[in-house]
Amino acid sequence: MTSDMTSGVARPPTAPPQPPGSEPPARRDRFGGVAAFLRNTWRGLTSMRTALVLLFLLALAAMPGALIPQRSLNEFLVDDFYADYPTAAPIIESLGGFEVFASPWFAAIYLLLMISLVGCVLPRSVEYWHSMRAAPVATPRNLTRLPHHAEADSAESPDAVLERTRRLLRGWRRVERSEPGGVTAVSAERGYLRETGNLVFHLSLIGLLLGFAGGKLYGYEGDVIVRADGAEFCNSSILGYDTFRAGLRVDGTDLNEFCVRVDRFDGTWLPNGQPSTFGAQIGYQTGEDLADGVTDWRPGEITVNYPLRTDGDRAYLTGYGYAPEFTVTWPDGQSRTGGIQWRPVDQSGSQLSEGATKFEQPGITDAELRRTTQLAVTGTFAPTGAVDAEGNLASVHPDLRAPTADVNIMRGDLGIDDGRGQSIFTVDQQKIDDGELVTVAEERLGVGDSVTLDDGTVVRFDGVTPWVNLQVGHDPGQIWVLVFSIVMVAGLALSLSVKRRRLWVRIRPVDGGSRIQLGGLARTDRAGYGEEFDRLGSELLDPMDKKDG
């Protein structure tokens, strides 16, 4: 404390003046702490240990996608999971378990892994680049300390020995340096392709990640069920799909246009019902055909693992099933035929299916009457029908050997006019609970059988039409993933097969000739270098005077 001489009042010491434009020490410390935190975080994220941990977490996070049914692959299995595990299913849904590979937490791990790998690989790539272009290091002072060394006197002049060394080391990257006393030192190195392989491997790894990212950004995938009776599907709009999954940069307005017509489904099965082969005979039109107005269909076939490839898209055959056809004839003589796909529910492969074919009586103008007289043919369909021990319908083979349907015919308000979307495979359970939809007949029907309702309406089981599920995928990054994968494997093979080795030769003039000193070192792996060093030494040194170290 200092005192004012006039007033005698003690005053605190004043801070020394700061230079103009400088920041206060507290602010500098705060900014320095933030910068240090960010720097240490980046170093930790881009370390090889972090990359390996994130890779392990990614593999661990992908396990639920293999053990739990995924909605993007088979929504029916997800529905069955809800039915089998009603308590656990909502919890798994809230955690993203049915969409593992599209969940935020999986994307976070993937993004962190990509940042870690890029931050880890790029500096190493720069290091490999400089190492690949670096000149051989200077000759060590004491060559006898190296793992491989030899020394001998020669009657040749130093110039002759140097010329012979140049011929012998043709193909090696070498540098000649002069040392005191007229000594010439040659530094030679071989195996730079090892660093080239390392560089190619690491850069290809980044290219592989970018290829995956490009496919997720600009790719799309959709599923559509097409009846195998000449029905057509055109890839012109997302409205034609049953389910559609778009990339982050895809809005569905600029799809690659092509059309597919499914003419026939062909399947063969083993006696026990296990599928042997199945495929679809198709016709298709490319985008160029559609643009040119070509009406002819190109013949083709889609089988398992052999998709239709056209216009950068792939159409896979991922499933099949059956669409029972029913004809409803009302008392006034009007009739309607409906055939819509029923979904398989038996995972053993017997193709036991369930569904709902819905009808509305034609010619009724009264809205209330039309709403309350709608019909739904629901139940179970078996391509090869049989009766189990409890008297229920079962299927013993997936082929159409004895098509049978247990139908439950319901009449009332199906909710078709409500303006709300509903499943094509079921009726609204709430309508049943409210009494707006009631069962009017239950019957087991074979092809050609019919049942008459209480008002004289006849429902006939006409037959069955197969359907196929086509999965259309577009992945612009796929070709790059393939290219970078091949290049990455080639770079890895190159880095593992080529050995980096060094050789030093010191030529010292002595009376009557030269003294030659050799030293060798393998930078990474000494295996096999001893034989090469011995061969070079025997060709460079005089065998009669050579003294091995």
Protein backbone atom coordinates (compact mmCIF):
# COMPACT_ATOMS: atom_id res chain seq x y z
CA MET A 1 0.00 0.00 0.00
CA THR A 2 1.17 3.55 -0.75
CA SER A 3 0.10 6.78 1.01
CA ASP A 4 -0.99 10.01 -0.53
CA MET A 5 1.36 12.63 0.98
CA THR A 6 -1.32 15.30 0.96
CA SER A 7 -4.28 13.41 2.32
CA GLY A 8 -2.61 10.54 4.17
CA VAL A 9 -5.05 8.06 2.64
CA ALA A 10 -3.62 4.68 1.61
CA ARG A 11 -4.26 3.65 -2.01
CA PRO A 12 -3.76 0.24 -3.74
CA PRO A 13 -0.90 0.01 -6.19
CA THR A 14 -1.89 0.65 -9.77
CA ALA A 15 -1.34 -2.05 -12.46
CA PRO A 16 1.40 -1.34 -14.93
CA PRO A 17 0.11 0.09 -18.20
CA GLN A 18 -0.58 -2.46 -21.02
CA PRO A 19 0.87 -1.96 -24.47
CA PRO A 20 -1.66 -0.74 -27.03
CA GLY A 21 -3.58 -3.58 -28.73
CA SER A 22 -2.54 -6.26 -26.22
CA GLU A 23 -5.08 -8.56 -24.49
CA PRO A 24 -5.43 -8.85 -20.72
CA PRO A 25 -3.56 -11.83 -19.20
CA ALA A 26 -6.83 -13.45 -18.04
CA ARG A 27 -8.22 -13.45 -21.56
CA ARG A 28 -4.98 -14.81 -22.99
CA ASP A 29 -5.00 -17.61 -20.42
CA ARG A 30 -8.63 -18.43 -21.23
CA PHE A 31 -8.02 -18.57 -24.96
CA GLY A 32 -4.83 -20.54 -24.42
CA GLY A 33 -6.70 -23.07 -22.30
CA VAL A 34 -9.41 -23.49 -24.95
CA ALA A 35 -6.81 -23.88 -27.70
CA ALA A 36 -4.91 -26.45 -25.63
CA PHE A 37 -8.12 -28.38 -24.96
CA LEU A 38 -9.04 -28.43 -28.66
CA ARG A 39 -5.51 -29.41 -29.64
CA ASN A 40 -5.37 -32.27 -27.14
CA THR A 41 -8.86 -33.43 -28.15
CA TRP A 42 -7.84 -33.51 -31.81
CA ARG A 43 -4.64 -35.40 -31.02
CA GLY A 44 -6.57 -37.94 -28.97
CA LEU A 45 -9.26 -38.37 -31.63
CA THR A 46 -6.76 -38.88 -34.45
CA SER A 47 -4.54 -41.35 -32.63
CA MET A 48 -4.30 -44.91 -33.85
CA ARG A 49 -5.53 -46.20 -30.49
CA THR A 50 -8.74 -44.13 -30.76
CA ALA A 51 -9.29 -45.33 -34.34
CA LEU A 52 -9.01 -48.95 -33.20
CA VAL A 53 -11.40 -48.34 -30.29
CA LEU A 54 -13.95 -46.70 -32.60
CA LEU A 55 -13.58 -49.56 -35.08
CA PHE A 56 -14.34 -52.02 -32.28
CA LEU A 57 -17.34 -49.93 -31.19
CA LEU A 58 -18.62 -49.86 -34.77
CA ALA A 59 -18.44 -53.66 -34.97
CA LEU A 60 -20.14 -53.90 -31.57
CA ALA A 61 -22.86 -51.45 -32.62
CA ALA A 62 -23.54 -53.44 -35.78
CA MET A 63 -24.32 -56.61 -33.82
CA PRO A 64 -27.94 -55.61 -33.02
CA GLY A 65 -28.46 -55.12 -36.74
CA ALA A 66 -27.57 -58.76 -37.29
CA LEU A 67 -29.53 -60.15 -34.34
CA ILE A 68 -32.68 -57.98 -34.44
CA PRO A 69 -34.91 -57.76 -37.55
CA GLN A 70 -34.41 -54.53 -39.45
CA ARG A 71 -37.31 -52.57 -40.89
CA SER A 72 -35.32 -51.64 -43.99
CA LEU A 73 -34.81 -55.33 -44.84
CA ASN A 74 -38.08 -56.97 -43.82
CA GLU A 75 -40.81 -54.99 -42.11
CA PHE A 76 -42.89 -58.13 -41.71
CA LEU A 77 -40.29 -59.60 -39.35
CA VAL A 78 -40.45 -56.43 -37.28
CA ASP A 79 -44.21 -56.80 -36.99
CA ASP A 80 -43.77 -60.41 -35.91
CA PHE A 81 -41.21 -59.27 -33.31
CA TYR A 82 -43.78 -56.84 -31.91
CA ALA A 83 -46.30 -59.67 -31.70
CA ASP A 84 -43.85 -62.06 -30.00
CA TYR A 85 -42.27 -59.52 -27.63
CA PRO A 86 -44.83 -56.77 -26.97
CA THR A 87 -42.94 -55.44 -23.93
CA ALA A 88 -39.41 -55.34 -25.31
CA ALA A 89 -40.28 -54.19 -28.85
CA PRO A 90 -41.21 -50.55 -27.95
CA ILE A 91 -38.02 -50.19 -25.91
CA ILE A 92 -35.93 -51.49 -28.82
CA GLU A 93 -37.82 -49.16 -31.15
CA SER A 94 -37.04 -46.13 -28.96
CA LEU A 95 -33.34 -47.05 -29.06
CA GLY A 96 -33.33 -47.39 -32.84
CA GLY A 97 -32.86 -51.14 -32.70
CA PHE A 98 -35.04 -51.80 -35.75
CA GLU A 99 -33.12 -49.20 -37.80
CA VAL A 100 -29.62 -49.72 -36.44
CA PHE A 101 -27.70 -48.56 -39.49
CA ALA A 102 -29.82 -45.41 -39.81
CA SER A 103 -29.82 -44.53 -36.12
CA PRO A 104 -28.12 -41.34 -34.88
CA TRP A 105 -25.81 -43.19 -32.47
CA PHE A 106 -24.55 -45.52 -35.19
CA ALA A 107 -24.01 -42.55 -37.50
CA ALA A 108 -22.12 -40.76 -34.72
CA ILE A 109 -19.72 -43.69 -34.27
CA TYR A 110 -19.26 -43.96 -38.04
CA LEU A 111 -18.61 -40.22 -38.36
CA LEU A 112 -16.12 -40.18 -35.49
CA LEU A 113 -14.35 -43.20 -36.97
CA MET A 114 -14.11 -41.50 -40.35
CA ILE A 115 -12.72 -38.29 -38.80
CA SER A 116 -10.28 -40.32 -36.72
CA LEU A 117 -9.08 -42.34 -39.69
CA VAL A 118 -8.71 -39.30 -41.94
CA GLY A 119 -6.85 -37.39 -39.22
CA CYS A 120 -4.69 -40.44 -38.56
CA VAL A 121 -4.05 -41.42 -42.16
CA LEU A 122 -3.34 -38.07 -43.80
CA PRO A 123 -0.31 -37.16 -41.63
CA ARG A 124 1.07 -40.65 -42.13
CA SER A 125 0.53 -40.33 -45.86
CA VAL A 126 2.54 -37.12 -45.86
CA GLU A 127 5.22 -38.87 -43.84
CA TYR A 128 5.32 -41.78 -46.32
CA TRP A 129 5.47 -39.31 -49.21
CA HIS A 130 8.52 -37.57 -47.77
CA SER A 131 10.10 -40.91 -46.88
CA MET A 132 9.54 -42.18 -50.41
CA ARG A 133 11.31 -39.14 -51.88
CA ALA A 134 14.07 -38.86 -49.29
CA ALA A 135 17.67 -39.37 -50.33
CA PRO A 136 19.73 -42.13 -48.68
CA VAL A 137 21.20 -41.10 -45.35
CA ALA A 138 24.89 -40.39 -44.86
CA THR A 139 27.31 -43.24 -44.29
CA PRO A 140 27.75 -44.05 -40.58
CA ARG A 141 31.16 -43.38 -39.09
CA ASN A 142 31.67 -46.93 -37.80
CA LEU A 143 30.29 -49.52 -40.21
CA THR A 144 31.44 -52.44 -38.05
CA ARG A 145 28.60 -51.76 -35.61
CA LEU A 146 25.96 -52.57 -38.20
CA PRO A 147 24.28 -56.01 -38.30
CA HIS A 148 25.96 -56.75 -41.63
CA HIS A 149 29.48 -55.53 -42.34
CA ALA A 150 32.62 -56.58 -44.17
CA GLU A 151 36.04 -55.11 -44.98
CA ALA A 152 38.84 -55.93 -47.43
CA ASP A 153 41.85 -54.43 -49.19
CA SER A 154 42.00 -54.33 -52.97
CA ALA A 155 44.84 -53.72 -55.41
CA GLU A 156 42.47 -51.65 -57.55
CA SER A 157 42.57 -47.89 -57.48
CA PRO A 158 39.78 -46.04 -55.64
CA ASP A 159 38.36 -44.82 -58.94
CA ALA A 160 38.16 -48.37 -60.31
CA VAL A 161 36.49 -49.61 -57.12
CA LEU A 162 34.00 -46.70 -57.27
CA GLU A 163 33.16 -47.48 -60.89
CA ARG A 164 32.62 -51.15 -60.06
CA THR A 165 30.39 -50.09 -57.12
CA ARG A 166 28.29 -47.96 -59.45
CA ARG A 167 27.76 -50.88 -61.82
CA LEU A 168 26.94 -53.23 -58.98
CA LEU A 169 24.39 -50.85 -57.41
CA ARG A 170 22.62 -50.03 -60.65
CA GLY A 171 18.91 -49.79 -59.79
CA TRP A 172 19.63 -48.63 -56.23
CA ARG A 173 18.99 -45.06 -55.18
CA ARG A 174 22.47 -43.86 -54.22
CA VAL A 175 24.35 -40.76 -53.22
CA GLU A 176 28.15 -40.31 -53.35
CA ARG A 177 29.77 -38.11 -50.76
CA SER A 178 33.40 -37.06 -50.28
CA GLU A 179 35.04 -37.36 -46.86
CA PRO A 180 38.38 -36.02 -45.58
CA GLY A 181 41.54 -37.79 -46.71
CA GLY A 182 40.30 -38.55 -50.23
CA VAL A 183 37.70 -41.01 -48.92
CA THR A 184 34.57 -41.61 -51.00
CA ALA A 185 31.39 -42.83 -49.30
CA VAL A 186 28.45 -44.29 -51.21
CA SER A 187 25.02 -44.44 -49.56
CA ALA A 188 22.56 -46.70 -51.38
CA GLU A 189 19.02 -47.69 -50.56
CA ARG A 190 16.47 -49.98 -52.17
CA GLY A 191 12.87 -50.95 -51.52
CA TYR A 192 11.19 -47.55 -51.84
CA LEU A 193 8.16 -49.35 -53.26
CA ARG A 194 7.40 -50.35 -49.69
CA GLU A 195 6.67 -46.73 -48.85
CA THR A 196 4.75 -46.42 -52.12
CA GLY A 197 2.59 -49.35 -51.04
CA ASN A 198 2.02 -47.75 -47.64
CA LEU A 199 1.06 -44.47 -49.29
CA VAL A 200 -1.30 -46.18 -51.73
CA PHE A 201 -2.88 -48.22 -48.94
CA HIS A 202 -3.60 -45.22 -46.71
CA LEU A 203 -4.89 -43.01 -49.52
CA SER A 204 -7.09 -45.86 -50.77
CA LEU A 205 -8.52 -46.21 -47.29
CA ILE A 206 -9.62 -42.58 -47.41
CA GLY A 207 -11.02 -43.12 -50.91
CA LEU A 208 -12.93 -46.15 -49.61
CA LEU A 209 -14.51 -44.04 -46.86
CA LEU A 210 -15.43 -41.33 -49.36
CA GLY A 211 -16.99 -43.97 -51.64
CA PHE A 212 -19.15 -45.22 -48.78
CA ALA A 213 -20.13 -41.67 -47.88
CA GLY A 214 -20.99 -40.85 -51.50
CA GLY A 215 -23.24 -43.90 -51.71
CA LYS A 216 -25.08 -42.85 -48.54
CA LEU A 217 -25.48 -39.28 -49.75
CA TYR A 218 -26.53 -39.83 -53.37
CA GLY A 219 -27.89 -43.39 -53.31
CA TYR A 220 -31.36 -44.73 -52.72
CA GLU A 221 -33.06 -48.06 -52.14
CA GLY A 222 -36.66 -49.14 -52.42
CA ASP A 223 -38.84 -52.24 -52.31
CA VAL A 224 -41.86 -52.98 -54.45
CA ILE A 225 -44.09 -56.02 -54.80
CA VAL A 226 -45.02 -56.89 -58.40
CA ARG A 227 -47.45 -59.60 -59.44
CA ALA A 228 -45.87 -62.20 -61.72
CA ASP A 229 -48.60 -62.07 -64.34
CA GLY A 230 -47.30 -59.35 -66.64
CA ALA A 231 -47.60 -56.56 -64.10
CA GLU A 232 -45.22 -53.64 -64.56
CA PHE A 233 -43.17 -51.34 -62.37
CA CYS A 234 -41.49 -48.12 -63.53
CA ASN A 235 -38.74 -46.38 -61.61
CA SER A 236 -40.03 -42.88 -62.28
CA SER A 237 -41.29 -41.77 -58.87
CA ILE A 238 -41.12 -42.80 -55.23
CA LEU A 239 -44.90 -43.23 -55.37
CA GLY A 240 -44.39 -46.52 -57.21
CA TYR A 241 -42.56 -48.08 -54.24
CA ASP A 242 -43.98 -49.82 -51.21
CA THR A 243 -41.03 -48.61 -49.13
CA PHE A 244 -38.34 -46.13 -50.17
CA ARG A 245 -35.12 -45.11 -48.42
CA ALA A 246 -33.44 -42.06 -49.91
CA GLY A 247 -29.91 -40.77 -49.41
CA LEU A 248 -29.37 -37.45 -47.69
CA ARG A 249 -29.03 -35.65 -51.05
CA VAL A 250 -31.86 -37.48 -52.82
CA ASP A 251 -35.37 -36.00 -52.90
CA GLY A 252 -36.91 -38.65 -55.15
CA THR A 253 -37.63 -36.34 -58.08
CA ASP A 254 -34.72 -37.37 -60.29
CA LEU A 255 -34.62 -41.16 -60.29
CA ASN A 256 -33.07 -43.16 -63.11
CA GLU A 257 -36.02 -44.09 -65.27
CA PHE A 258 -36.54 -47.69 -66.36
CA CYS A 259 -39.44 -50.13 -66.39
CA VAL A 260 -39.69 -53.82 -65.46
CA ARG A 261 -42.46 -56.23 -66.42
CA VAL A 262 -42.62 -59.48 -64.42
CA ASP A 263 -43.95 -62.21 -66.71
CA ARG A 264 -43.47 -65.35 -64.63
CA PHE A 265 -42.08 -66.63 -61.35
CA ASP A 266 -40.09 -69.87 -61.48
CA GLY A 267 -39.16 -71.78 -58.35
CA THR A 268 -37.81 -75.21 -57.55
CA TRP A 269 -37.76 -76.78 -54.11
CA LEU A 270 -36.28 -79.84 -52.49
CA PRO A 271 -38.68 -82.56 -51.27
CA ASN A 272 -38.52 -81.12 -47.74
CA GLY A 273 -39.64 -77.71 -49.01
CA GLN A 274 -36.25 -76.05 -48.85
CA PRO A 275 -35.84 -73.64 -51.79
CA SER A 276 -33.38 -74.77 -54.43
CA THR A 277 -33.64 -72.02 -57.03
CA PHE A 278 -36.10 -69.30 -57.81
CA GLY A 279 -36.17 -66.45 -60.28
CA ALA A 280 -38.38 -64.23 -62.37
CA GLN A 281 -38.71 -64.06 -66.14
CA ILE A 282 -38.96 -60.37 -66.98
CA GLY A 283 -39.00 -57.81 -69.72
CA TYR A 284 -37.47 -54.39 -69.20
CA GLN A 285 -37.02 -51.04 -70.87
CA THR A 286 -34.03 -48.83 -70.20
CA GLY A 287 -34.13 -45.08 -69.77
CA GLU A 288 -32.86 -44.69 -73.33
CA ASP A 289 -35.69 -46.91 -74.61
CA LEU A 290 -38.25 -44.79 -72.79
CA ALA A 291 -36.73 -41.55 -74.07
CA ASP A 292 -36.75 -42.86 -77.67
CA GLY A 293 -40.33 -44.11 -77.41
CA VAL A 294 -39.37 -47.79 -77.88
CA THR A 295 -42.33 -50.03 -77.04
CA ASP A 296 -40.57 -53.39 -77.28
CA TRP A 297 -39.42 -55.07 -74.07
CA ARG A 298 -35.94 -56.50 -73.70
CA PRO A 299 -36.07 -60.08 -72.35
CA GLY A 300 -34.27 -60.81 -69.11
CA GLU A 301 -34.18 -62.87 -65.94
CA ILE A 302 -33.61 -62.00 -62.30
CA THR A 303 -32.40 -64.73 -59.97
CA VAL A 304 -30.82 -64.85 -56.55
CA ASN A 305 -27.53 -62.88 -56.59
CA TYR A 306 -28.01 -62.05 -60.28
CA PRO A 307 -29.90 -58.75 -60.40
CA LEU A 308 -31.02 -56.71 -63.34
CA ARG A 309 -28.49 -53.94 -63.92
CA THR A 310 -29.63 -50.99 -65.97
CA ASP A 311 -29.13 -47.23 -65.96
CA GLY A 312 -26.88 -47.40 -62.92
CA ASP A 313 -29.52 -49.19 -60.82
CA ARG A 314 -29.80 -52.79 -59.66
CA ALA A 315 -33.05 -54.70 -59.23
CA TYR A 316 -32.71 -57.73 -56.93
CA LEU A 317 -35.21 -60.50 -56.34
CA THR A 318 -35.43 -60.61 -52.53
CA GLY A 319 -38.64 -62.55 -51.91
CA TYR A 320 -41.79 -64.06 -53.29
CA GLY A 321 -45.29 -64.93 -52.20
CA TYR A 322 -48.82 -65.46 -53.41
CA ALA A 323 -51.89 -63.35 -54.11
CA PRO A 324 -55.15 -65.34 -53.74
CA GLU A 325 -57.87 -64.18 -56.13
CA PHE A 326 -61.50 -63.92 -55.02
CA THR A 327 -64.60 -62.95 -56.95
CA VAL A 328 -67.56 -61.43 -55.11
CA THR A 329 -70.98 -61.61 -56.82
CA TRP A 330 -73.73 -59.54 -55.22
CA PRO A 331 -77.44 -60.47 -55.37
CA ASP A 332 -78.06 -57.93 -58.17
CA GLY A 333 -75.63 -59.86 -60.41
CA GLN A 334 -72.74 -57.42 -60.28
CA SER A 335 -69.34 -58.88 -59.49
CA ARG A 336 -65.84 -57.76 -58.70
CA THR A 337 -62.58 -59.75 -58.73
CA GLY A 338 -59.74 -58.84 -56.41
CA GLY A 339 -56.28 -60.27 -56.10
CA ILE A 340 -53.82 -58.58 -53.78
CA GLN A 341 -50.68 -59.97 -52.23
CA TRP A 342 -50.87 -61.75 -48.88
CA ARG A 343 -47.77 -61.73 -46.76
CA PRO A 344 -45.89 -64.87 -45.66
CA VAL A 345 -45.97 -65.41 -41.90
CA ASP A 346 -44.29 -68.81 -41.58
CA GLN A 347 -40.55 -68.30 -41.37
CA SER A 348 -39.85 -72.01 -41.89
CA GLY A 349 -40.37 -71.48 -45.63
CA SER A 350 -43.78 -73.11 -46.12
CA GLN A 351 -45.16 -69.76 -47.37
CA LEU A 352 -48.19 -69.90 -45.10
CA SER A 353 -49.61 -66.41 -45.63
CA GLU A 354 -52.22 -64.05 -44.28
CA GLY A 355 -53.89 -60.97 -45.71
CA ALA A 356 -57.07 -59.08 -46.48
CA THR A 357 -58.71 -58.61 -49.88
CA LYS A 358 -61.20 -55.73 -49.68
CA PHE A 359 -64.28 -55.04 -51.83
CA GLU A 360 -66.85 -52.28 -52.18
CA GLN A 361 -70.26 -52.97 -53.75
CA PRO A 362 -70.62 -51.12 -57.06
CA GLY A 363 -73.58 -48.98 -58.04
CA ILE A 364 -74.46 -47.72 -54.54
CA THR A 365 -74.86 -43.95 -54.46
CA ASP A 366 -75.88 -43.60 -50.83
CA ALA A 367 -72.67 -42.85 -48.91
CA GLU A 368 -73.86 -44.39 -45.64
CA LEU A 369 -75.06 -47.60 -47.30
CA ARG A 370 -71.87 -47.89 -49.31
CA ARG A 371 -69.79 -47.42 -46.16
CA THR A 372 -71.60 -50.12 -44.16
CA THR A 373 -71.72 -52.82 -46.87
CA GLN A 374 -68.02 -53.14 -47.62
CA LEU A 375 -66.54 -56.67 -47.58
CA ALA A 376 -63.14 -57.99 -46.54
CA VAL A 377 -61.95 -61.51 -47.25
CA THR A 378 -59.35 -62.13 -44.54
CA GLY A 379 -57.71 -65.27 -43.25
CA THR A 380 -54.88 -67.66 -43.96
CA PHE A 381 -53.61 -69.09 -47.25
CA ALA A 382 -51.51 -72.24 -47.70
CA PRO A 383 -49.96 -73.06 -51.11
CA THR A 384 -50.00 -76.76 -50.15
CA GLY A 385 -52.76 -77.03 -47.60
CA ALA A 386 -52.94 -79.54 -44.77
CA VAL A 387 -54.57 -79.78 -41.36
CA ASP A 388 -52.48 -79.77 -38.20
CA ALA A 389 -53.26 -81.65 -34.99
CA GLU A 390 -55.50 -78.85 -33.75
CA GLY A 391 -57.52 -78.72 -36.95
CA ASN A 392 -55.97 -75.47 -38.18
CA LEU A 393 -54.80 -74.86 -41.72
CA ALA A 394 -51.10 -75.49 -42.27
CA SER A 395 -48.80 -75.54 -45.28
CA VAL A 396 -46.47 -78.46 -45.88
CA HIS A 397 -44.75 -77.16 -49.01
CA PRO A 398 -44.14 -73.69 -50.52
CA ASP A 399 -45.13 -74.74 -54.05
CA LEU A 400 -48.70 -74.43 -55.35
CA ARG A 401 -49.66 -78.10 -55.02
CA ALA A 402 -52.97 -77.79 -53.14
CA PRO A 403 -53.88 -74.09 -52.67
CA THR A 404 -56.21 -73.73 -49.71
CA ALA A 405 -57.57 -70.70 -47.89
CA ASP A 406 -59.25 -70.40 -44.50
CA VAL A 407 -61.33 -67.27 -45.04
CA ASN A 408 -63.03 -65.03 -42.53
CA ILE A 409 -65.43 -62.79 -44.43
CA MET A 410 -66.31 -59.52 -42.72
CA ARG A 411 -68.92 -56.91 -43.60
CA GLY A 412 -69.19 -53.30 -42.49
CA ASP A 413 -67.09 -50.16 -42.46
CA LEU A 414 -63.52 -50.93 -43.55
CA GLY A 415 -62.43 -47.32 -43.11
CA ILE A 416 -61.70 -46.93 -46.81
CA ASP A 417 -63.45 -43.54 -46.88
CA ASP A 418 -61.83 -42.20 -43.71
CA GLY A 419 -58.90 -40.63 -45.56
CA ARG A 420 -56.41 -42.42 -43.31
CA GLY A 421 -53.78 -44.83 -44.57
CA GLN A 422 -54.16 -48.46 -43.61
CA SER A 423 -52.35 -51.72 -44.15
CA ILE A 424 -53.23 -53.74 -47.23
CA PHE A 425 -52.65 -56.93 -45.22
CA THR A 426 -55.06 -56.35 -42.34
CA VAL A 427 -58.30 -54.65 -41.41
CA ASP A 428 -58.66 -52.00 -38.73
CA GLN A 429 -58.88 -53.77 -35.39
CA GLN A 430 -60.59 -50.74 -33.87
CA LYS A 431 -63.45 -51.14 -36.35
CA ILE A 432 -63.91 -54.71 -35.12
CA ASP A 433 -63.78 -53.68 -31.47
CA ASP A 434 -66.39 -50.95 -32.09
CA GLY A 435 -68.72 -53.38 -33.86
CA GLU A 436 -68.52 -51.51 -37.18
CA LEU A 437 -67.03 -54.61 -38.83
CA VAL A 438 -68.50 -58.05 -38.13
CA THR A 439 -67.82 -61.57 -39.33
CA VAL A 440 -70.54 -62.96 -41.60
CA ALA A 441 -68.92 -66.23 -42.75
CA GLU A 442 -65.99 -68.54 -42.05
CA GLU A 443 -65.05 -71.28 -44.48
CA ARG A 444 -62.16 -73.37 -45.79
CA LEU A 445 -61.96 -73.03 -49.57
CA GLY A 446 -60.02 -74.73 -52.31
CA VAL A 447 -59.61 -73.33 -55.79
CA GLY A 448 -63.09 -73.10 -57.36
CA ASP A 449 -64.97 -73.35 -54.04
CA SER A 450 -67.39 -70.64 -52.94
CA VAL A 451 -69.37 -69.53 -49.91
CA THR A 452 -72.77 -67.82 -49.89
CA LEU A 453 -73.44 -65.08 -47.36
CA ASP A 454 -76.68 -64.40 -45.51
CA ASP A 455 -77.78 -61.77 -48.05
CA GLY A 456 -77.15 -64.01 -51.06
CA THR A 457 -73.69 -62.60 -51.90
CA VAL A 458 -71.34 -65.28 -53.24
CA VAL A 459 -67.59 -65.25 -52.60
CA ARG A 460 -65.57 -67.60 -54.82
CA PHE A 461 -61.90 -68.58 -54.54
CA ASP A 462 -60.72 -68.38 -58.16
CA GLY A 463 -57.00 -69.15 -57.96
CA VAL A 464 -53.57 -67.85 -57.01
CA THR A 465 -51.04 -65.56 -58.69
CA PRO A 466 -47.41 -65.46 -57.50
CA TRP A 467 -45.75 -62.14 -56.72
CA VAL A 468 -42.13 -61.16 -56.32
CA ASN A 469 -40.46 -58.54 -54.18
CA LEU A 470 -37.98 -56.39 -56.11
CA GLN A 471 -35.41 -54.35 -54.27
CA VAL A 472 -34.11 -51.51 -56.42
CA GLY A 473 -30.85 -49.92 -55.34
CA HIS A 474 -28.75 -47.07 -56.69
CA ASP A 475 -25.27 -46.57 -55.24
CA PRO A 476 -23.00 -44.22 -57.22
CA GLY A 477 -20.14 -44.90 -54.82
CA GLN A 478 -20.17 -48.66 -55.39
CA ILE A 479 -17.73 -48.66 -58.32
CA TRP A 480 -15.35 -46.41 -56.38
CA VAL A 481 -15.55 -48.67 -53.35
CA LEU A 482 -14.60 -51.61 -55.58
CA VAL A 483 -11.73 -49.72 -57.23
CA PHE A 484 -10.29 -48.42 -53.96
CA SER A 485 -10.66 -51.84 -52.35
CA ILE A 486 -8.60 -53.45 -55.11
CA VAL A 487 -6.00 -50.68 -55.01
CA MET A 488 -5.84 -50.87 -51.21
CA VAL A 489 -5.20 -54.62 -51.26
CA ALA A 490 -2.54 -54.12 -53.94
CA GLY A 491 -0.86 -51.42 -51.86
CA LEU A 492 -0.95 -53.61 -48.76
CA ALA A 493 0.54 -56.55 -50.66
CA LEU A 494 3.27 -54.29 -52.01
CA SER A 495 4.15 -52.89 -48.59
CA LEU A 496 4.32 -56.38 -47.08
CA SER A 497 6.31 -58.02 -49.86
CA VAL A 498 8.98 -55.36 -50.46
CA LYS A 499 11.81 -54.98 -47.95
CA ARG A 500 13.50 -51.63 -47.41
CA ARG A 501 17.30 -52.13 -47.12
CA ARG A 502 20.37 -49.92 -47.04
CA LEU A 503 23.98 -50.46 -48.11
CA TRP A 504 26.99 -48.24 -47.44
CA VAL A 505 30.35 -48.46 -49.15
CA ARG A 506 33.42 -46.50 -47.96
CA ILE A 507 36.43 -46.49 -50.27
CA ARG A 508 39.67 -45.33 -48.67
CA PRO A 509 42.90 -44.93 -50.66
CA VAL A 510 45.87 -46.85 -49.26
CA ASP A 511 49.36 -47.59 -50.51
CA GLY A 512 49.10 -49.83 -53.54
CA GLY A 513 45.30 -49.84 -53.79
CA SER A 514 42.12 -49.27 -51.80
CA ARG A 515 40.49 -50.33 -48.59
CA ILE A 516 36.80 -51.15 -49.00
CA GLN A 517 34.36 -51.15 -46.08
CA LEU A 518 30.79 -52.37 -46.40
CA GLY A 519 27.82 -52.02 -44.08
CA GLY A 520 24.22 -53.17 -44.51
CA LEU A 521 20.96 -52.66 -42.67
CA ALA A 522 17.39 -53.73 -43.36
CA ARG A 523 15.08 -50.92 -42.20
CA THR A 524 12.10 -53.08 -41.36
CA ASP A 525 12.80 -56.79 -41.63
CA ARG A 526 16.22 -58.41 -41.64
CA ALA A 527 14.84 -61.72 -42.99
CA GLY A 528 16.59 -62.59 -46.24
CA TYR A 529 18.89 -59.56 -46.31
CA GLY A 530 21.93 -61.48 -45.10
CA GLU A 531 22.08 -63.52 -48.31
CA GLU A 532 21.76 -60.40 -50.45
CA PHE A 533 24.49 -58.62 -48.48
CA ASP A 534 26.83 -61.60 -48.79
CA ARG A 535 26.24 -61.69 -52.55
CA LEU A 536 26.98 -57.99 -52.93
CA GLY A 537 30.05 -58.28 -50.72
CA SER A 538 31.44 -61.22 -52.66
CA GLU A 539 31.08 -59.29 -55.92
CA LEU A 540 32.51 -56.05 -54.58
CA LEU A 541 35.33 -57.28 -52.35
CA ASP A 542 38.27 -59.41 -53.33
CA PRO A 543 37.36 -62.89 -52.10
CA MET A 544 40.98 -63.72 -51.37
CA ASP A 545 41.47 -60.79 -48.99
CA LYS A 546 37.96 -60.33 -47.57
CA LYS A 547 37.62 -60.31 -43.80
CA ASP A 548 34.02 -60.80 -42.61
CA GLY A 549 32.93 -59.00 -39.49
